Amino acid sequence: MTHSESFGVGDVVCLNSGSPPMTIISITDDRYLVLAYADMNGVILRESLPPDAVALTEMRWAISSIDAEVDIDLEDDDEEDF
């Protein structure tokens, strides 16, 4: 079985050299994988890569994790309440 036969639409992959997770949205007639992924600003991008450049992953990256809620106390603890 070749790499391209082991991938399917909807699979999540990463570059062999490391990358954010990318979803396979289609496979071309010449067996290239068409991938969709989000950049750090949440913009959806598309790329076509040969199947030997990627590997299946269990990693998921939600856009909401980029904007993770951070609890910051903006009140000055030294001020007295009135």
Protein backbone atom coordinates (compact mmCIF):
# COMPACT_ATOMS: atom_id res chain seq x y z
CA MET A 1 0.00 0.00 0.00
CA THR A 2 1.37 3.42 -0.93
CA HIS A 3 1.08 6.52 1.23
CA SER A 4 -1.54 8.09 -1.03
CA GLU A 5 -3.79 5.04 -0.72
CA SER A 6 -3.66 5.19 3.08
CA PHE A 7 -5.00 8.78 3.30
CA GLY A 8 -8.61 9.82 2.96
CA VAL A 9 -10.65 12.99 2.88
CA GLY A 10 -11.15 14.20 6.45
CA ASP A 11 -7.90 12.73 7.77
CA VAL A 12 -5.75 15.07 9.84
CA VAL A 13 -2.06 15.17 8.95
CA CYS A 14 1.10 17.12 9.78
CA LEU A 15 4.22 17.71 7.75
CA ASN A 16 6.90 15.13 8.46
CA SER A 17 9.13 18.04 9.48
CA GLY A 18 6.44 19.42 11.83
CA SER A 19 3.50 21.75 11.28
CA PRO A 20 0.07 22.67 12.59
CA PRO A 21 -2.52 19.96 11.88
CA MET A 22 -4.01 20.07 8.38
CA THR A 23 -7.20 18.40 7.14
CA ILE A 24 -7.27 16.58 3.82
CA ILE A 25 -10.12 18.16 1.84
CA SER A 26 -9.53 16.30 -1.43
CA ILE A 27 -7.10 14.11 -3.31
CA THR A 28 -6.20 15.06 -6.87
CA ASP A 29 -6.12 12.70 -9.84
CA ASP A 30 -2.32 12.66 -9.60
CA ARG A 31 -2.70 11.64 -5.89
CA TYR A 32 -1.59 14.96 -4.34
CA LEU A 33 -3.31 15.82 -1.07
CA VAL A 34 -5.24 19.10 -0.96
CA LEU A 35 -4.98 20.32 2.63
CA ALA A 36 -6.77 23.04 4.60
CA TYR A 37 -5.40 24.58 7.77
CA ALA A 38 -5.66 27.75 9.83
CA ASP A 39 -2.84 30.22 10.38
CA MET A 40 -2.26 31.97 13.72
CA ASN A 41 -4.87 34.61 12.80
CA GLY A 42 -7.55 32.02 12.05
CA VAL A 43 -7.33 32.52 8.29
CA ILE A 44 -8.04 29.26 6.45
CA LEU A 45 -5.31 28.40 3.94
CA ARG A 46 -5.01 25.68 1.32
CA GLU A 47 -1.99 23.72 0.11
CA SER A 48 -1.36 20.74 -2.17
CA LEU A 49 1.39 18.34 -1.15
CA PRO A 50 2.64 14.90 -2.14
CA PRO A 51 1.54 12.22 0.32
CA ASP A 52 5.14 11.36 1.23
CA ALA A 53 5.50 14.84 2.81
CA VAL A 54 2.92 14.22 5.55
CA ALA A 55 1.90 11.73 8.23
CA LEU A 56 -1.37 11.05 10.03
CA THR A 57 -1.69 12.73 13.42
CA GLU A 58 -4.05 12.70 16.37
CA MET A 59 -3.18 16.33 17.14
CA ARG A 60 -6.01 18.84 16.87
CA TRP A 61 -5.73 22.59 16.89
CA ALA A 62 -8.89 24.56 17.47
CA ILE A 63 -9.00 28.21 16.55
CA SER A 64 -10.38 28.83 20.04
CA SER A 65 -7.12 27.56 21.53
CA ILE A 66 -5.32 30.48 19.86
CA ASP A 67 -7.52 32.94 21.72
CA ALA A 68 -7.50 30.98 24.96
CA GLU A 69 -9.09 32.85 27.79
CA VAL A 70 -6.56 34.28 30.18
CA ASP A 71 -7.69 35.37 33.60
CA ILE A 72 -5.95 38.66 34.35
CA ASP A 73 -6.73 40.59 37.51
CA LEU A 74 -6.80 44.25 36.47
CA GLU A 75 -7.66 45.53 39.92
CA ASP A 76 -4.93 46.99 42.10
CA ASP A 77 -4.95 45.00 45.34
CA ASP A 78 -3.49 47.99 47.20
CA GLU A 79 -6.48 50.24 46.49
CA GLU A 80 -9.16 50.61 49.13
CA ASP A 81 -12.77 49.87 48.26
CA PHE A 82 -15.08 52.88 48.56
